[in-house]
Amino acid sequence: MAHIIDSEAEILTTCIHPSAQRQGLATILISGLFEQWKNASIARVFLDVSAQNKPAIELYTKLSFATKTIRKNYYSI
């Protein structure tokens, strides 16, 4: 799930069933969004991810996302 405001997009949720993870599906999903957003003149894409979610961080790094800010206690329970 994602939303667009003006020329920015935010990825709110990326979810792949555990039995289908690590098969490239999230890469395909997000790459498809990037293709759509190119046509919509999106200049910036951002998201939040827990520092403990190593698989997600690996995915987003592979997709050229970079850490801009670390929010303390953002994902605290």
C-alpha atoms as a PDB file:
ATOM      1  CA  MET A   1       0.000   0.000   0.000  1.00  0.00           C
ATOM      2  CA  ALA A   2       1.255   3.459  -0.872  1.00  0.00           C
ATOM      3  CA  HIS A   3       0.001   6.973  -1.398  1.00  0.00           C
ATOM      4  CA  ILE A   4       1.017   9.949  -3.489  1.00  0.00           C
ATOM      5  CA  ILE A   5       0.949  13.611  -2.546  1.00  0.00           C
ATOM      6  CA  ASP A   6       2.047  16.022  -5.266  1.00  0.00           C
ATOM      7  CA  SER A   7       5.400  14.696  -6.531  1.00  0.00           C
ATOM      8  CA  GLU A   8       6.141  12.437  -3.539  1.00  0.00           C
ATOM      9  CA  ALA A   9       5.143   8.852  -2.825  1.00  0.00           C
ATOM     10  CA  GLU A  10       5.229   7.020   0.479  1.00  0.00           C
ATOM     11  CA  ILE A  11       5.245   3.244   0.756  1.00  0.00           C
ATOM     12  CA  LEU A  12       3.032   2.494   3.752  1.00  0.00           C
ATOM     13  CA  THR A  13       3.007  -1.307   3.754  1.00  0.00           C
ATOM     14  CA  THR A  14       4.721  -4.079   1.844  1.00  0.00           C
ATOM     15  CA  CYS A  15       3.541  -7.543   2.735  1.00  0.00           C
ATOM     16  CA  ILE A  16       4.418 -10.926   1.268  1.00  0.00           C
ATOM     17  CA  HIS A  17       3.046 -14.120   2.805  1.00  0.00           C
ATOM     18  CA  PRO A  18       5.817 -15.909   4.763  1.00  0.00           C
ATOM     19  CA  SER A  19       5.632 -18.969   2.510  1.00  0.00           C
ATOM     20  CA  ALA A  20       6.349 -16.751  -0.523  1.00  0.00           C
ATOM     21  CA  GLN A  21       9.097 -14.577   0.978  1.00  0.00           C
ATOM     22  CA  ARG A  22      12.673 -14.474  -0.355  1.00  0.00           C
ATOM     23  CA  GLN A  23      11.485 -15.288  -3.895  1.00  0.00           C
ATOM     24  CA  GLY A  24      11.781 -11.786  -5.365  1.00  0.00           C
ATOM     25  CA  LEU A  25       8.090 -10.926  -5.154  1.00  0.00           C
ATOM     26  CA  ALA A  26       8.551  -7.748  -3.098  1.00  0.00           C
ATOM     27  CA  THR A  27      11.220  -6.585  -5.559  1.00  0.00           C
ATOM     28  CA  ILE A  28       8.789  -7.124  -8.435  1.00  0.00           C
ATOM     29  CA  LEU A  29       5.997  -5.362  -6.538  1.00  0.00           C
ATOM     30  CA  ILE A  30       8.024  -2.280  -5.626  1.00  0.00           C
ATOM     31  CA  SER A  31       9.741  -2.116  -9.022  1.00  0.00           C
ATOM     32  CA  GLY A  32       6.266  -2.064 -10.580  1.00  0.00           C
ATOM     33  CA  LEU A  33       5.327   0.869  -8.377  1.00  0.00           C
ATOM     34  CA  PHE A  34       8.491   2.699  -9.459  1.00  0.00           C
ATOM     35  CA  GLU A  35       7.520   2.200 -13.112  1.00  0.00           C
ATOM     36  CA  GLN A  36       4.037   3.598 -12.499  1.00  0.00           C
ATOM     37  CA  TRP A  37       5.404   6.520 -10.534  1.00  0.00           C
ATOM     38  CA  LYS A  38       7.875   7.430 -13.289  1.00  0.00           C
ATOM     39  CA  ASN A  39       4.882   8.038 -15.527  1.00  0.00           C
ATOM     40  CA  ALA A  40       3.264  10.117 -12.766  1.00  0.00           C
ATOM     41  CA  SER A  41       6.350  12.376 -12.356  1.00  0.00           C
ATOM     42  CA  ILE A  42       7.075  11.222  -8.799  1.00  0.00           C
ATOM     43  CA  ALA A  43      10.322  12.866  -7.693  1.00  0.00           C
ATOM     44  CA  ARG A  44      10.790  11.242  -4.278  1.00  0.00           C
ATOM     45  CA  VAL A  45       9.760   7.987  -2.614  1.00  0.00           C
ATOM     46  CA  PHE A  46      10.101   7.357   1.099  1.00  0.00           C
ATOM     47  CA  LEU A  47       9.134   4.808   3.752  1.00  0.00           C
ATOM     48  CA  ASP A  48       9.702   3.849   7.375  1.00  0.00           C
ATOM     49  CA  VAL A  49      11.101   0.506   8.456  1.00  0.00           C
ATOM     50  CA  SER A  50      12.012  -0.911  11.838  1.00  0.00           C
ATOM     51  CA  ALA A  51      15.763  -1.154  12.467  1.00  0.00           C
ATOM     52  CA  GLN A  52      15.131  -4.749  13.596  1.00  0.00           C
ATOM     53  CA  ASN A  53      13.567  -5.739  10.258  1.00  0.00           C
ATOM     54  CA  LYS A  54      16.788  -6.857   8.562  1.00  0.00           C
ATOM     55  CA  PRO A  55      15.130  -8.567   5.555  1.00  0.00           C
ATOM     56  CA  ALA A  56      13.183  -5.389   4.748  1.00  0.00           C
ATOM     57  CA  ILE A  57      16.281  -3.223   5.130  1.00  0.00           C
ATOM     58  CA  GLU A  58      18.169  -5.530   2.742  1.00  0.00           C
ATOM     59  CA  LEU A  59      15.313  -5.302   0.237  1.00  0.00           C
ATOM     60  CA  TYR A  60      15.061  -1.515   0.396  1.00  0.00           C
ATOM     61  CA  THR A  61      18.836  -1.101   0.188  1.00  0.00           C
ATOM     62  CA  LYS A  62      18.849  -3.318  -2.910  1.00  0.00           C
ATOM     63  CA  LEU A  63      16.165  -1.047  -4.362  1.00  0.00           C
ATOM     64  CA  SER A  64      18.401   2.025  -3.787  1.00  0.00           C
ATOM     65  CA  PHE A  65      16.705   3.410  -0.672  1.00  0.00           C
ATOM     66  CA  ALA A  66      19.035   5.120   1.785  1.00  0.00           C
ATOM     67  CA  THR A  67      18.663   5.909   5.496  1.00  0.00           C
ATOM     68  CA  LYS A  68      17.881   9.578   5.990  1.00  0.00           C
ATOM     69  CA  THR A  69      16.623   9.673   9.568  1.00  0.00           C
ATOM     70  CA  ILE A  70      16.436   7.278  12.481  1.00  0.00           C
ATOM     71  CA  ARG A  71      13.470   7.935  14.766  1.00  0.00           C
ATOM     72  CA  LYS A  72      14.087   6.812  18.329  1.00  0.00           C
ATOM     73  CA  ASN A  73      11.332   4.634  19.779  1.00  0.00           C
ATOM     74  CA  TYR A  74       9.239   4.950  16.592  1.00  0.00           C
ATOM     75  CA  TYR A  75       8.487   1.232  16.632  1.00  0.00           C
ATOM     76  CA  SER A  76       8.509   0.773  20.392  1.00  0.00           C
ATOM     77  CA  ILE A  77       6.065  -1.726  21.834  1.00  0.00           C
END
